């Protein structure tokens, strides 16, 4: 789409309907505080509302860490969790537009020289099916990825290897086993699928996924706070902390509970401020053909989410620290 249509979905009570060229974003702290209620003494929340490429409203509420008085700010970095997948898929879309990939390219074609043996059931699975969670790849946080981490990364007898090497090893482990159900028969959410997508990007470009993120998304979009893994420093609350989904307990960003192995990066380890995240969202809201990064043709689109609060308001790009170890929701 070449134009961003006017939509009242981004105009809840208290937000402007008119043009915003000369106006600063509306402060929605009070709306967010009403959403948190008394939970604002234990958790935090930040939101940005976009119309087209412009932030028309933004706000914060609550605290960075349960049991402390430090307040959330717009400069706080949030662990994006699985929202990172949209960025990984965007990198894939760039290679598709450059003719280095096709959405129908199969795993058999992509890993013909690097994954041996590959179970025959995976050979015809397409890249599109992997990104759409239709490949029947497993998603077992304490299963496949953890098993590879324990068997290949941790033992002293095994070389640590680079992150691309670790991701390729996960691809080998995943694709050597038969799928639990035939591919493309149902939706099966898979972090492993996006680790595979990262391995594809690394194989085709010769660059680590982290380098591609910085060079092809962060820098062109002006994302200055982008990084990987939980933001923040051990025993400090200069950034928002994640909290345990089960108990709501704060998780030190450098603790084992918060430190997800970095090979999971393409599936969910990017962090940044919500206002920087809005720059990536705006890339897709621009629509085709006007959604080009500087110096590039229009990029293929990828879905981004809109969170609806229980008040009925819609927010694009919402970060929160409640009941989430990564600090996003």
C-alpha atoms as a PDB file:
ATOM      1  CA  UNK A   1       0.000   0.000   0.000  1.00  0.00           C
ATOM      2  CA  UNK A   2       1.312   3.413  -0.897  1.00  0.00           C
ATOM      3  CA  UNK A   3      -0.535   5.474   1.686  1.00  0.00           C
ATOM      4  CA  UNK A   4      -1.322   4.989   5.339  1.00  0.00           C
ATOM      5  CA  UNK A   5      -5.101   5.374   5.737  1.00  0.00           C
ATOM      6  CA  UNK A   6      -6.574   7.462   8.500  1.00  0.00           C
ATOM      7  CA  UNK A   7      -7.923   5.132  11.142  1.00  0.00           C
ATOM      8  CA  UNK A   8      -9.793   5.716  14.354  1.00  0.00           C
ATOM      9  CA  UNK A   9      -8.092   2.641  15.786  1.00  0.00           C
ATOM     10  CA  UNK A  10      -5.203   4.948  16.632  1.00  0.00           C
ATOM     11  CA  UNK A  11      -7.451   7.668  18.012  1.00  0.00           C
ATOM     12  CA  UNK A  12      -8.787   6.559  21.406  1.00  0.00           C
ATOM     13  CA  UNK A  13     -10.207   9.143  23.737  1.00  0.00           C
ATOM     14  CA  UNK A  14      -7.671  11.858  24.449  1.00  0.00           C
ATOM     15  CA  UNK A  15      -5.595  11.333  21.275  1.00  0.00           C
ATOM     16  CA  UNK A  16      -5.637  13.773  18.363  1.00  0.00           C
ATOM     17  CA  UNK A  17      -7.492  13.165  15.092  1.00  0.00           C
ATOM     18  CA  UNK A  18      -5.945  16.045  13.153  1.00  0.00           C
ATOM     19  CA  UNK A  19      -2.520  16.681  11.673  1.00  0.00           C
ATOM     20  CA  UNK A  20       0.455  16.651  14.028  1.00  0.00           C
ATOM     21  CA  UNK A  21       3.141  18.407  11.991  1.00  0.00           C
ATOM     22  CA  UNK A  22       3.751  21.138  14.564  1.00  0.00           C
ATOM     23  CA  UNK A  23       2.769  19.317  17.729  1.00  0.00           C
ATOM     24  CA  UNK A  24       4.743  17.182  20.127  1.00  0.00           C
ATOM     25  CA  UNK A  25       3.373  13.703  20.910  1.00  0.00           C
ATOM     26  CA  UNK A  26       0.454  13.682  23.331  1.00  0.00           C
ATOM     27  CA  UNK A  27       1.346  12.395  26.787  1.00  0.00           C
ATOM     28  CA  UNK A  28      -0.679   9.287  27.678  1.00  0.00           C
ATOM     29  CA  UNK A  29       0.863   8.581  31.087  1.00  0.00           C
ATOM     30  CA  UNK A  30      -2.566   8.804  32.715  1.00  0.00           C
ATOM     31  CA  UNK A  31      -4.068   6.234  30.323  1.00  0.00           C
ATOM     32  CA  UNK A  32      -1.241   3.781  31.024  1.00  0.00           C
ATOM     33  CA  UNK A  33      -1.508   4.365  34.755  1.00  0.00           C
ATOM     34  CA  UNK A  34      -5.213   3.547  34.568  1.00  0.00           C
ATOM     35  CA  UNK A  35      -4.358   0.300  32.792  1.00  0.00           C
ATOM     36  CA  UNK A  36      -1.827  -0.690  35.447  1.00  0.00           C
ATOM     37  CA  UNK A  37      -3.955   0.474  38.372  1.00  0.00           C
ATOM     38  CA  UNK A  38      -2.379  -0.483  41.658  1.00  0.00           C
ATOM     39  CA  UNK A  39      -0.040  -2.734  39.706  1.00  0.00           C
ATOM     40  CA  UNK A  40       1.935   0.407  38.905  1.00  0.00           C
ATOM     41  CA  UNK A  41       3.608  -0.006  42.280  1.00  0.00           C
ATOM     42  CA  UNK A  42       4.989  -3.374  41.168  1.00  0.00           C
ATOM     43  CA  UNK A  43       5.395  -3.239  37.390  1.00  0.00           C
ATOM     44  CA  UNK A  44       6.003  -0.784  34.581  1.00  0.00           C
ATOM     45  CA  UNK A  45       4.672  -0.003  31.126  1.00  0.00           C
ATOM     46  CA  UNK A  46       5.604   2.223  28.178  1.00  0.00           C
ATOM     47  CA  UNK A  47       3.707   2.824  24.936  1.00  0.00           C
ATOM     48  CA  UNK A  48       3.978   4.726  21.684  1.00  0.00           C
ATOM     49  CA  UNK A  49       1.101   5.386  19.276  1.00  0.00           C
ATOM     50  CA  UNK A  50       1.937   5.784  15.592  1.00  0.00           C
ATOM     51  CA  UNK A  51       0.045   7.457  12.782  1.00  0.00           C
ATOM     52  CA  UNK A  52       1.970   6.616   9.670  1.00  0.00           C
ATOM     53  CA  UNK A  53       5.622   7.242  10.485  1.00  0.00           C
ATOM     54  CA  UNK A  54       4.989   9.726  13.284  1.00  0.00           C
ATOM     55  CA  UNK A  55       4.619   9.056  16.992  1.00  0.00           C
ATOM     56  CA  UNK A  56       1.469  10.975  17.922  1.00  0.00           C
ATOM     57  CA  UNK A  57       1.302   9.867  21.550  1.00  0.00           C
ATOM     58  CA  UNK A  58       3.633   8.284  24.061  1.00  0.00           C
ATOM     59  CA  UNK A  59       3.735   7.625  27.753  1.00  0.00           C
ATOM     60  CA  UNK A  60       5.055   5.660  30.692  1.00  0.00           C
ATOM     61  CA  UNK A  61       3.719   4.360  33.988  1.00  0.00           C
ATOM     62  CA  UNK A  62       4.914   2.253  36.877  1.00  0.00           C
ATOM     63  CA  UNK A  63       8.309   1.139  38.101  1.00  0.00           C
ATOM     64  CA  UNK A  64      11.280  -0.593  36.540  1.00  0.00           C
ATOM     65  CA  UNK A  65      11.457  -3.315  39.153  1.00  0.00           C
ATOM     66  CA  UNK A  66       9.021  -4.648  41.691  1.00  0.00           C
ATOM     67  CA  UNK A  67       9.889  -3.431  45.180  1.00  0.00           C
ATOM     68  CA  UNK A  68      11.834  -0.368  44.032  1.00  0.00           C
ATOM     69  CA  UNK A  69      10.922   3.268  43.451  1.00  0.00           C
ATOM     70  CA  UNK A  70      12.752   3.844  40.139  1.00  0.00           C
ATOM     71  CA  UNK A  71      10.177   4.899  37.552  1.00  0.00           C
ATOM     72  CA  UNK A  72       9.956   3.683  33.967  1.00  0.00           C
ATOM     73  CA  UNK A  73      11.099   6.283  31.404  1.00  0.00           C
ATOM     74  CA  UNK A  74      10.862   6.616  27.621  1.00  0.00           C
ATOM     75  CA  UNK A  75      14.633   6.073  27.513  1.00  0.00           C
ATOM     76  CA  UNK A  76      14.361   2.608  29.069  1.00  0.00           C
ATOM     77  CA  UNK A  77      15.317  -0.298  26.849  1.00  0.00           C
ATOM     78  CA  UNK A  78      13.014  -3.298  26.677  1.00  0.00           C
ATOM     79  CA  UNK A  79      13.820  -6.853  25.715  1.00  0.00           C
ATOM     80  CA  UNK A  80      11.560  -7.311  22.673  1.00  0.00           C
ATOM     81  CA  UNK A  81      11.262 -11.063  23.057  1.00  0.00           C
ATOM     82  CA  UNK A  82       9.570 -12.716  20.099  1.00  0.00           C
ATOM     83  CA  UNK A  83       8.875  -9.354  18.454  1.00  0.00           C
ATOM     84  CA  UNK A  84      12.468  -9.864  17.255  1.00  0.00           C
ATOM     85  CA  UNK A  85      11.074 -12.457  14.832  1.00  0.00           C
ATOM     86  CA  UNK A  86       9.549  -9.668  12.737  1.00  0.00           C
ATOM     87  CA  UNK A  87      13.012  -8.177  12.330  1.00  0.00           C
ATOM     88  CA  UNK A  88      14.507 -11.529  11.317  1.00  0.00           C
ATOM     89  CA  UNK A  89      11.743 -12.001   8.757  1.00  0.00           C
ATOM     90  CA  UNK A  90      12.404  -8.510   7.414  1.00  0.00           C
ATOM     91  CA  UNK A  91      16.057  -9.419   6.839  1.00  0.00           C
ATOM     92  CA  UNK A  92      14.869 -12.488   4.943  1.00  0.00           C
ATOM     93  CA  UNK A  93      12.521 -10.292   2.877  1.00  0.00           C
ATOM     94  CA  UNK A  94      15.455  -8.087   1.900  1.00  0.00           C
ATOM     95  CA  UNK A  95      17.327 -11.084   0.500  1.00  0.00           C
ATOM     96  CA  UNK A  96      14.189 -12.171  -1.353  1.00  0.00           C
ATOM     97  CA  UNK A  97      13.961  -8.750  -3.008  1.00  0.00           C
ATOM     98  CA  UNK A  98      17.642  -8.929  -3.906  1.00  0.00           C
ATOM     99  CA  UNK A  99      17.083 -12.267  -5.643  1.00  0.00           C
ATOM    100  CA  UNK A 100      19.265 -14.219  -3.218  1.00  0.00           C
ATOM    101  CA  UNK A 101      16.276 -16.159  -1.875  1.00  0.00           C
ATOM    102  CA  UNK A 102      12.729 -17.037  -2.758  1.00  0.00           C
ATOM    103  CA  UNK A 103       9.806 -17.553  -0.391  1.00  0.00           C
ATOM    104  CA  UNK A 104       9.420 -21.012  -1.927  1.00  0.00           C
ATOM    105  CA  UNK A 105      13.075 -21.960  -1.503  1.00  0.00           C
ATOM    106  CA  UNK A 106      13.143 -25.251   0.395  1.00  0.00           C
ATOM    107  CA  UNK A 107      15.162 -26.403   3.376  1.00  0.00           C
ATOM    108  CA  UNK A 108      16.580 -29.126   1.149  1.00  0.00           C
ATOM    109  CA  UNK A 109      17.958 -26.447  -1.170  1.00  0.00           C
ATOM    110  CA  UNK A 110      19.140 -24.124   1.588  1.00  0.00           C
ATOM    111  CA  UNK A 111      20.986 -26.721   3.640  1.00  0.00           C
ATOM    112  CA  UNK A 112      21.995 -29.188   0.918  1.00  0.00           C
ATOM    113  CA  UNK A 113      25.706 -28.755   1.634  1.00  0.00           C
ATOM    114  CA  UNK A 114      25.615 -28.096   5.358  1.00  0.00           C
ATOM    115  CA  UNK A 115      22.990 -30.365   6.943  1.00  0.00           C
ATOM    116  CA  UNK A 116      23.737 -34.040   6.392  1.00  0.00           C
ATOM    117  CA  UNK A 117      21.882 -36.221   6.867  1.00  0.00           C
ATOM    118  CA  UNK A 118      18.556 -34.367   6.567  1.00  0.00           C
ATOM    119  CA  UNK A 119      15.387 -36.306   7.247  1.00  0.00           C
ATOM    120  CA  UNK A 120      13.449 -36.521   3.944  1.00  0.00           C
ATOM    121  CA  UNK A 121      10.332 -34.988   5.502  1.00  0.00           C
ATOM    122  CA  UNK A 122      12.103 -31.599   5.748  1.00  0.00           C
ATOM    123  CA  UNK A 123      13.462 -31.427   2.209  1.00  0.00           C
ATOM    124  CA  UNK A 124      10.368 -29.829   0.622  1.00  0.00           C
ATOM    125  CA  UNK A 125       9.521 -27.470   3.486  1.00  0.00           C
ATOM    126  CA  UNK A 126       9.661 -23.889   2.226  1.00  0.00           C
ATOM    127  CA  UNK A 127      11.142 -20.809   3.817  1.00  0.00           C
ATOM    128  CA  UNK A 128       7.675 -19.236   3.896  1.00  0.00           C
ATOM    129  CA  UNK A 129       6.350 -22.190   5.911  1.00  0.00           C
ATOM    130  CA  UNK A 130       9.219 -21.868   8.388  1.00  0.00           C
ATOM    131  CA  UNK A 131       8.571 -18.147   8.964  1.00  0.00           C
ATOM    132  CA  UNK A 132       4.804 -18.696   9.216  1.00  0.00           C
ATOM    133  CA  UNK A 133       5.228 -21.451  11.853  1.00  0.00           C
ATOM    134  CA  UNK A 134       3.825 -24.044   9.445  1.00  0.00           C
ATOM    135  CA  UNK A 135       6.938 -26.214   9.170  1.00  0.00           C
ATOM    136  CA  UNK A 136       6.170 -28.469  12.173  1.00  0.00           C
ATOM    137  CA  UNK A 137       9.508 -27.608  13.742  1.00  0.00           C
ATOM    138  CA  UNK A 138       9.466 -28.143  17.487  1.00  0.00           C
ATOM    139  CA  UNK A 139       9.428 -25.347  20.016  1.00  0.00           C
ATOM    140  CA  UNK A 140      10.769 -26.811  23.235  1.00  0.00           C
ATOM    141  CA  UNK A 141      12.620 -24.258  25.395  1.00  0.00           C
ATOM    142  CA  UNK A 142      13.806 -27.086  27.645  1.00  0.00           C
ATOM    143  CA  UNK A 143      14.048 -29.595  24.833  1.00  0.00           C
ATOM    144  CA  UNK A 144      15.803 -29.272  21.510  1.00  0.00           C
ATOM    145  CA  UNK A 145      17.611 -25.944  21.942  1.00  0.00           C
ATOM    146  CA  UNK A 146      18.586 -26.745  25.524  1.00  0.00           C
ATOM    147  CA  UNK A 147      19.780 -30.189  24.463  1.00  0.00           C
ATOM    148  CA  UNK A 148      22.002 -28.710  21.764  1.00  0.00           C
ATOM    149  CA  UNK A 149      23.295 -26.129  24.237  1.00  0.00           C
ATOM    150  CA  UNK A 150      24.164 -28.817  26.784  1.00  0.00           C
ATOM    151  CA  UNK A 151      25.606 -31.288  24.300  1.00  0.00           C
ATOM    152  CA  UNK A 152      27.493 -28.984  21.976  1.00  0.00           C
ATOM    153  CA  UNK A 153      28.183 -25.624  23.626  1.00  0.00           C
ATOM    154  CA  UNK A 154      28.751 -26.358  27.299  1.00  0.00           C
ATOM    155  CA  UNK A 155      31.041 -29.430  27.490  1.00  0.00           C
ATOM    156  CA  UNK A 156      34.729 -28.537  27.880  1.00  0.00           C
ATOM    157  CA  UNK A 157      35.612 -31.093  25.225  1.00  0.00           C
ATOM    158  CA  UNK A 158      33.549 -29.265  22.602  1.00  0.00           C
ATOM    159  CA  UNK A 159      34.636 -25.934  21.101  1.00  0.00           C
ATOM    160  CA  UNK A 160      32.353 -23.061  21.986  1.00  0.00           C
ATOM    161  CA  UNK A 161      32.180 -22.001  18.375  1.00  0.00           C
ATOM    162  CA  UNK A 162      30.773 -18.806  16.940  1.00  0.00           C
ATOM    163  CA  UNK A 163      27.075 -17.984  17.122  1.00  0.00           C
ATOM    164  CA  UNK A 164      26.618 -18.849  13.431  1.00  0.00           C
ATOM    165  CA  UNK A 165      28.259 -22.214  14.092  1.00  0.00           C
ATOM    166  CA  UNK A 166      25.941 -22.827  17.033  1.00  0.00           C
ATOM    167  CA  UNK A 167      22.864 -21.954  14.952  1.00  0.00           C
ATOM    168  CA  UNK A 168      23.977 -24.235  12.147  1.00  0.00           C
ATOM    169  CA  UNK A 169      24.432 -27.048  14.660  1.00  0.00           C
ATOM    170  CA  UNK A 170      20.887 -26.474  15.913  1.00  0.00           C
ATOM    171  CA  UNK A 171      19.699 -26.697  12.305  1.00  0.00           C
ATOM    172  CA  UNK A 172      21.524 -30.005  11.933  1.00  0.00           C
ATOM    173  CA  UNK A 173      19.996 -31.363  15.127  1.00  0.00           C
ATOM    174  CA  UNK A 174      16.486 -30.230  14.196  1.00  0.00           C
ATOM    175  CA  UNK A 175      16.513 -31.418  10.590  1.00  0.00           C
ATOM    176  CA  UNK A 176      18.093 -34.798  11.259  1.00  0.00           C
ATOM    177  CA  UNK A 177      15.008 -35.847  13.261  1.00  0.00           C
ATOM    178  CA  UNK A 178      11.558 -36.524  11.790  1.00  0.00           C
ATOM    179  CA  UNK A 179       8.806 -33.976  12.426  1.00  0.00           C
ATOM    180  CA  UNK A 180       6.138 -34.820  14.967  1.00  0.00           C
ATOM    181  CA  UNK A 181       3.409 -34.141  12.399  1.00  0.00           C
ATOM    182  CA  UNK A 182       3.596 -33.660   8.615  1.00  0.00           C
ATOM    183  CA  UNK A 183       4.781 -30.145   7.727  1.00  0.00           C
ATOM    184  CA  UNK A 184       2.181 -27.549   6.689  1.00  0.00           C
ATOM    185  CA  UNK A 185      -0.719 -29.404   8.324  1.00  0.00           C
ATOM    186  CA  UNK A 186      -1.186 -27.026  11.263  1.00  0.00           C
ATOM    187  CA  UNK A 187       0.233 -23.939  12.976  1.00  0.00           C
ATOM    188  CA  UNK A 188       3.099 -24.927  15.286  1.00  0.00           C
ATOM    189  CA  UNK A 189       4.857 -21.987  16.936  1.00  0.00           C
ATOM    190  CA  UNK A 190       8.580 -22.526  16.735  1.00  0.00           C
ATOM    191  CA  UNK A 191      11.550 -20.594  18.067  1.00  0.00           C
ATOM    192  CA  UNK A 192      13.753 -23.211  16.446  1.00  0.00           C
ATOM    193  CA  UNK A 193      12.320 -22.199  13.055  1.00  0.00           C
ATOM    194  CA  UNK A 194      13.626 -18.677  13.496  1.00  0.00           C
ATOM    195  CA  UNK A 195      17.020 -19.926  14.640  1.00  0.00           C
ATOM    196  CA  UNK A 196      17.051 -21.802  11.331  1.00  0.00           C
ATOM    197  CA  UNK A 197      16.084 -18.597   9.522  1.00  0.00           C
ATOM    198  CA  UNK A 198      19.036 -16.902  11.183  1.00  0.00           C
ATOM    199  CA  UNK A 199      21.288 -19.728  10.027  1.00  0.00           C
ATOM    200  CA  UNK A 200      19.987 -19.237   6.474  1.00  0.00           C
ATOM    201  CA  UNK A 201      20.808 -15.524   6.585  1.00  0.00           C
ATOM    202  CA  UNK A 202      24.276 -16.248   7.918  1.00  0.00           C
ATOM    203  CA  UNK A 203      24.958 -18.945   5.329  1.00  0.00           C
ATOM    204  CA  UNK A 204      23.932 -16.749   2.390  1.00  0.00           C
ATOM    205  CA  UNK A 205      25.653 -13.552   3.501  1.00  0.00           C
ATOM    206  CA  UNK A 206      28.680 -14.794   5.419  1.00  0.00           C
ATOM    207  CA  UNK A 207      27.716 -12.380   8.217  1.00  0.00           C
ATOM    208  CA  UNK A 208      26.455 -13.100  11.707  1.00  0.00           C
ATOM    209  CA  UNK A 209      22.768 -12.331  12.302  1.00  0.00           C
ATOM    210  CA  UNK A 210      23.769  -9.697  14.853  1.00  0.00           C
ATOM    211  CA  UNK A 211      25.887  -7.895  12.232  1.00  0.00           C
ATOM    212  CA  UNK A 212      23.029  -7.986   9.721  1.00  0.00           C
ATOM    213  CA  UNK A 213      20.648  -6.536  12.283  1.00  0.00           C
ATOM    214  CA  UNK A 214      22.983  -3.629  13.001  1.00  0.00           C
ATOM    215  CA  UNK A 215      23.947  -2.936   9.386  1.00  0.00           C
ATOM    216  CA  UNK A 216      20.624  -3.452   7.620  1.00  0.00           C
ATOM    217  CA  UNK A 217      18.053  -2.396  10.223  1.00  0.00           C
ATOM    218  CA  UNK A 218      19.466  -0.533  13.227  1.00  0.00           C
ATOM    219  CA  UNK A 219      21.767   1.858  11.353  1.00  0.00           C
ATOM    220  CA  UNK A 220      19.519   2.686   8.352  1.00  0.00           C
ATOM    221  CA  UNK A 221      16.479   3.237  10.594  1.00  0.00           C
ATOM    222  CA  UNK A 222      18.368   5.312  13.164  1.00  0.00           C
ATOM    223  CA  UNK A 223      17.869   2.783  15.951  1.00  0.00           C
ATOM    224  CA  UNK A 224      20.565   3.877  18.388  1.00  0.00           C
ATOM    225  CA  UNK A 225      19.578   1.788  21.418  1.00  0.00           C
ATOM    226  CA  UNK A 226      19.412  -1.618  19.718  1.00  0.00           C
ATOM    227  CA  UNK A 227      21.245  -4.533  21.292  1.00  0.00           C
ATOM    228  CA  UNK A 228      20.891  -8.195  22.148  1.00  0.00           C
ATOM    229  CA  UNK A 229      19.962 -10.008  25.330  1.00  0.00           C
ATOM    230  CA  UNK A 230      18.379  -8.549  28.468  1.00  0.00           C
ATOM    231  CA  UNK A 231      19.244  -4.842  28.821  1.00  0.00           C
ATOM    232  CA  UNK A 232      20.697  -3.583  32.063  1.00  0.00           C
ATOM    233  CA  UNK A 233      23.422  -4.432  34.555  1.00  0.00           C
ATOM    234  CA  UNK A 234      23.453  -6.945  37.385  1.00  0.00           C
ATOM    235  CA  UNK A 235      22.249  -5.547  40.707  1.00  0.00           C
ATOM    236  CA  UNK A 236      21.296  -2.199  39.143  1.00  0.00           C
ATOM    237  CA  UNK A 237      17.954  -0.814  37.993  1.00  0.00           C
ATOM    238  CA  UNK A 238      19.032   1.675  35.342  1.00  0.00           C
ATOM    239  CA  UNK A 239      16.796  -0.267  32.915  1.00  0.00           C
ATOM    240  CA  UNK A 240      13.461  -2.038  33.262  1.00  0.00           C
ATOM    241  CA  UNK A 241      13.801  -5.572  34.633  1.00  0.00           C
ATOM    242  CA  UNK A 242      11.827  -8.557  33.454  1.00  0.00           C
ATOM    243  CA  UNK A 243       9.730 -10.503  35.960  1.00  0.00           C
ATOM    244  CA  UNK A 244       8.964 -14.175  36.444  1.00  0.00           C
ATOM    245  CA  UNK A 245       5.758 -15.253  34.655  1.00  0.00           C
ATOM    246  CA  UNK A 246       4.900 -17.564  37.548  1.00  0.00           C
ATOM    247  CA  UNK A 247       5.606 -15.466  40.642  1.00  0.00           C
ATOM    248  CA  UNK A 248       6.108 -11.930  39.352  1.00  0.00           C
ATOM    249  CA  UNK A 249       9.572 -11.985  40.911  1.00  0.00           C
ATOM    250  CA  UNK A 250      12.136  -9.538  39.437  1.00  0.00           C
ATOM    251  CA  UNK A 251      14.819 -11.232  37.359  1.00  0.00           C
ATOM    252  CA  UNK A 252      18.322  -9.807  37.497  1.00  0.00           C
ATOM    253  CA  UNK A 253      19.249  -9.193  33.832  1.00  0.00           C
ATOM    254  CA  UNK A 254      22.483 -11.140  34.237  1.00  0.00           C
ATOM    255  CA  UNK A 255      20.955 -14.066  36.130  1.00  0.00           C
ATOM    256  CA  UNK A 256      20.668 -17.550  34.547  1.00  0.00           C
ATOM    257  CA  UNK A 257      16.859 -17.167  34.529  1.00  0.00           C
ATOM    258  CA  UNK A 258      17.104 -14.068  32.340  1.00  0.00           C
ATOM    259  CA  UNK A 259      20.175 -14.912  30.264  1.00  0.00           C
ATOM    260  CA  UNK A 260      18.767 -16.846  27.312  1.00  0.00           C
ATOM    261  CA  UNK A 261      21.574 -18.401  25.208  1.00  0.00           C
ATOM    262  CA  UNK A 262      22.575 -15.952  22.466  1.00  0.00           C
ATOM    263  CA  UNK A 263      22.083 -18.479  19.672  1.00  0.00           C
ATOM    264  CA  UNK A 264      18.366 -17.764  20.182  1.00  0.00           C
ATOM    265  CA  UNK A 265      18.904 -14.220  18.894  1.00  0.00           C
ATOM    266  CA  UNK A 266      16.860 -14.463  15.651  1.00  0.00           C
ATOM    267  CA  UNK A 267      13.913 -15.871  17.621  1.00  0.00           C
ATOM    268  CA  UNK A 268      13.765 -13.267  20.357  1.00  0.00           C
ATOM    269  CA  UNK A 269      16.778 -11.478  21.843  1.00  0.00           C
ATOM    270  CA  UNK A 270      16.749  -7.910  20.485  1.00  0.00           C
ATOM    271  CA  UNK A 271      16.270  -5.001  22.870  1.00  0.00           C
ATOM    272  CA  UNK A 272      15.752  -1.244  22.416  1.00  0.00           C
ATOM    273  CA  UNK A 273      13.585   1.623  23.559  1.00  0.00           C
ATOM    274  CA  UNK A 274       9.958   1.631  22.493  1.00  0.00           C
ATOM    275  CA  UNK A 275      10.519   4.830  20.518  1.00  0.00           C
ATOM    276  CA  UNK A 276      13.279   3.074  18.563  1.00  0.00           C
ATOM    277  CA  UNK A 277      11.017   0.042  18.116  1.00  0.00           C
ATOM    278  CA  UNK A 278       8.460   2.449  16.633  1.00  0.00           C
ATOM    279  CA  UNK A 279      10.962   3.261  13.862  1.00  0.00           C
ATOM    280  CA  UNK A 280      10.899  -0.367  12.783  1.00  0.00           C
ATOM    281  CA  UNK A 281       7.107  -0.505  12.992  1.00  0.00           C
ATOM    282  CA  UNK A 282       6.926   2.650  10.854  1.00  0.00           C
ATOM    283  CA  UNK A 283       8.989   0.884   8.184  1.00  0.00           C
ATOM    284  CA  UNK A 284       6.105  -1.526   7.683  1.00  0.00           C
ATOM    285  CA  UNK A 285       3.300   0.956   8.229  1.00  0.00           C
ATOM    286  CA  UNK A 286       4.655   2.935   5.269  1.00  0.00           C
ATOM    287  CA  UNK A 287       3.541   0.113   3.023  1.00  0.00           C
ATOM    288  CA  UNK A 288       4.675  -0.977  -0.399  1.00  0.00           C
ATOM    289  CA  UNK A 289       6.196   0.623  -2.481  1.00  0.00           C
ATOM    290  CA  UNK A 290       7.088   3.511  -0.159  1.00  0.00           C
ATOM    291  CA  UNK A 291       8.521   1.379   2.619  1.00  0.00           C
ATOM    292  CA  UNK A 292      12.118   1.529   1.454  1.00  0.00           C
ATOM    293  CA  UNK A 293      15.101   1.861   3.703  1.00  0.00           C
ATOM    294  CA  UNK A 294      17.352   4.693   2.522  1.00  0.00           C
ATOM    295  CA  UNK A 295      18.852   3.754  -0.824  1.00  0.00           C
ATOM    296  CA  UNK A 296      16.736   0.611  -1.242  1.00  0.00           C
ATOM    297  CA  UNK A 297      13.683  -0.432  -3.182  1.00  0.00           C
ATOM    298  CA  UNK A 298      10.458  -1.135  -1.307  1.00  0.00           C
ATOM    299  CA  UNK A 299      10.839  -3.969   1.137  1.00  0.00           C
ATOM    300  CA  UNK A 300       8.402  -6.830   1.402  1.00  0.00           C
ATOM    301  CA  UNK A 301       6.048  -6.350   4.318  1.00  0.00           C
ATOM    302  CA  UNK A 302       5.777  -8.393   7.470  1.00  0.00           C
ATOM    303  CA  UNK A 303       3.065  -8.384  10.095  1.00  0.00           C
ATOM    304  CA  UNK A 304       3.520  -6.354  13.246  1.00  0.00           C
ATOM    305  CA  UNK A 305       1.217  -6.510  16.239  1.00  0.00           C
ATOM    306  CA  UNK A 306      -1.100  -4.063  17.923  1.00  0.00           C
ATOM    307  CA  UNK A 307      -1.852  -4.668  21.582  1.00  0.00           C
ATOM    308  CA  UNK A 308      -5.327  -3.786  22.875  1.00  0.00           C
ATOM    309  CA  UNK A 309      -5.529  -2.802  26.500  1.00  0.00           C
ATOM    310  CA  UNK A 310      -8.559  -3.811  28.523  1.00  0.00           C
ATOM    311  CA  UNK A 311      -9.764  -0.199  28.329  1.00  0.00           C
ATOM    312  CA  UNK A 312     -10.320  -0.665  24.596  1.00  0.00           C
ATOM    313  CA  UNK A 313      -7.457   1.580  23.513  1.00  0.00           C
ATOM    314  CA  UNK A 314      -5.021   0.277  20.911  1.00  0.00           C
ATOM    315  CA  UNK A 315      -1.297   0.861  21.151  1.00  0.00           C
ATOM    316  CA  UNK A 316       1.404   0.086  18.602  1.00  0.00           C
ATOM    317  CA  UNK A 317       4.660  -1.009  20.184  1.00  0.00           C
ATOM    318  CA  UNK A 318       3.925  -1.684  23.840  1.00  0.00           C
ATOM    319  CA  UNK A 319       6.536  -2.786  26.363  1.00  0.00           C
ATOM    320  CA  UNK A 320       5.759  -3.972  29.854  1.00  0.00           C
ATOM    321  CA  UNK A 321       7.574  -5.711  32.682  1.00  0.00           C
ATOM    322  CA  UNK A 322       4.646  -7.596  34.178  1.00  0.00           C
ATOM    323  CA  UNK A 323       4.697 -11.388  34.288  1.00  0.00           C
ATOM    324  CA  UNK A 324       7.311 -11.649  31.571  1.00  0.00           C
ATOM    325  CA  UNK A 325      10.920 -12.705  32.001  1.00  0.00           C
ATOM    326  CA  UNK A 326      11.985 -10.773  28.917  1.00  0.00           C
ATOM    327  CA  UNK A 327      10.271  -7.548  29.927  1.00  0.00           C
ATOM    328  CA  UNK A 328       7.949  -7.227  26.936  1.00  0.00           C
ATOM    329  CA  UNK A 329       4.389  -8.144  26.194  1.00  0.00           C
END
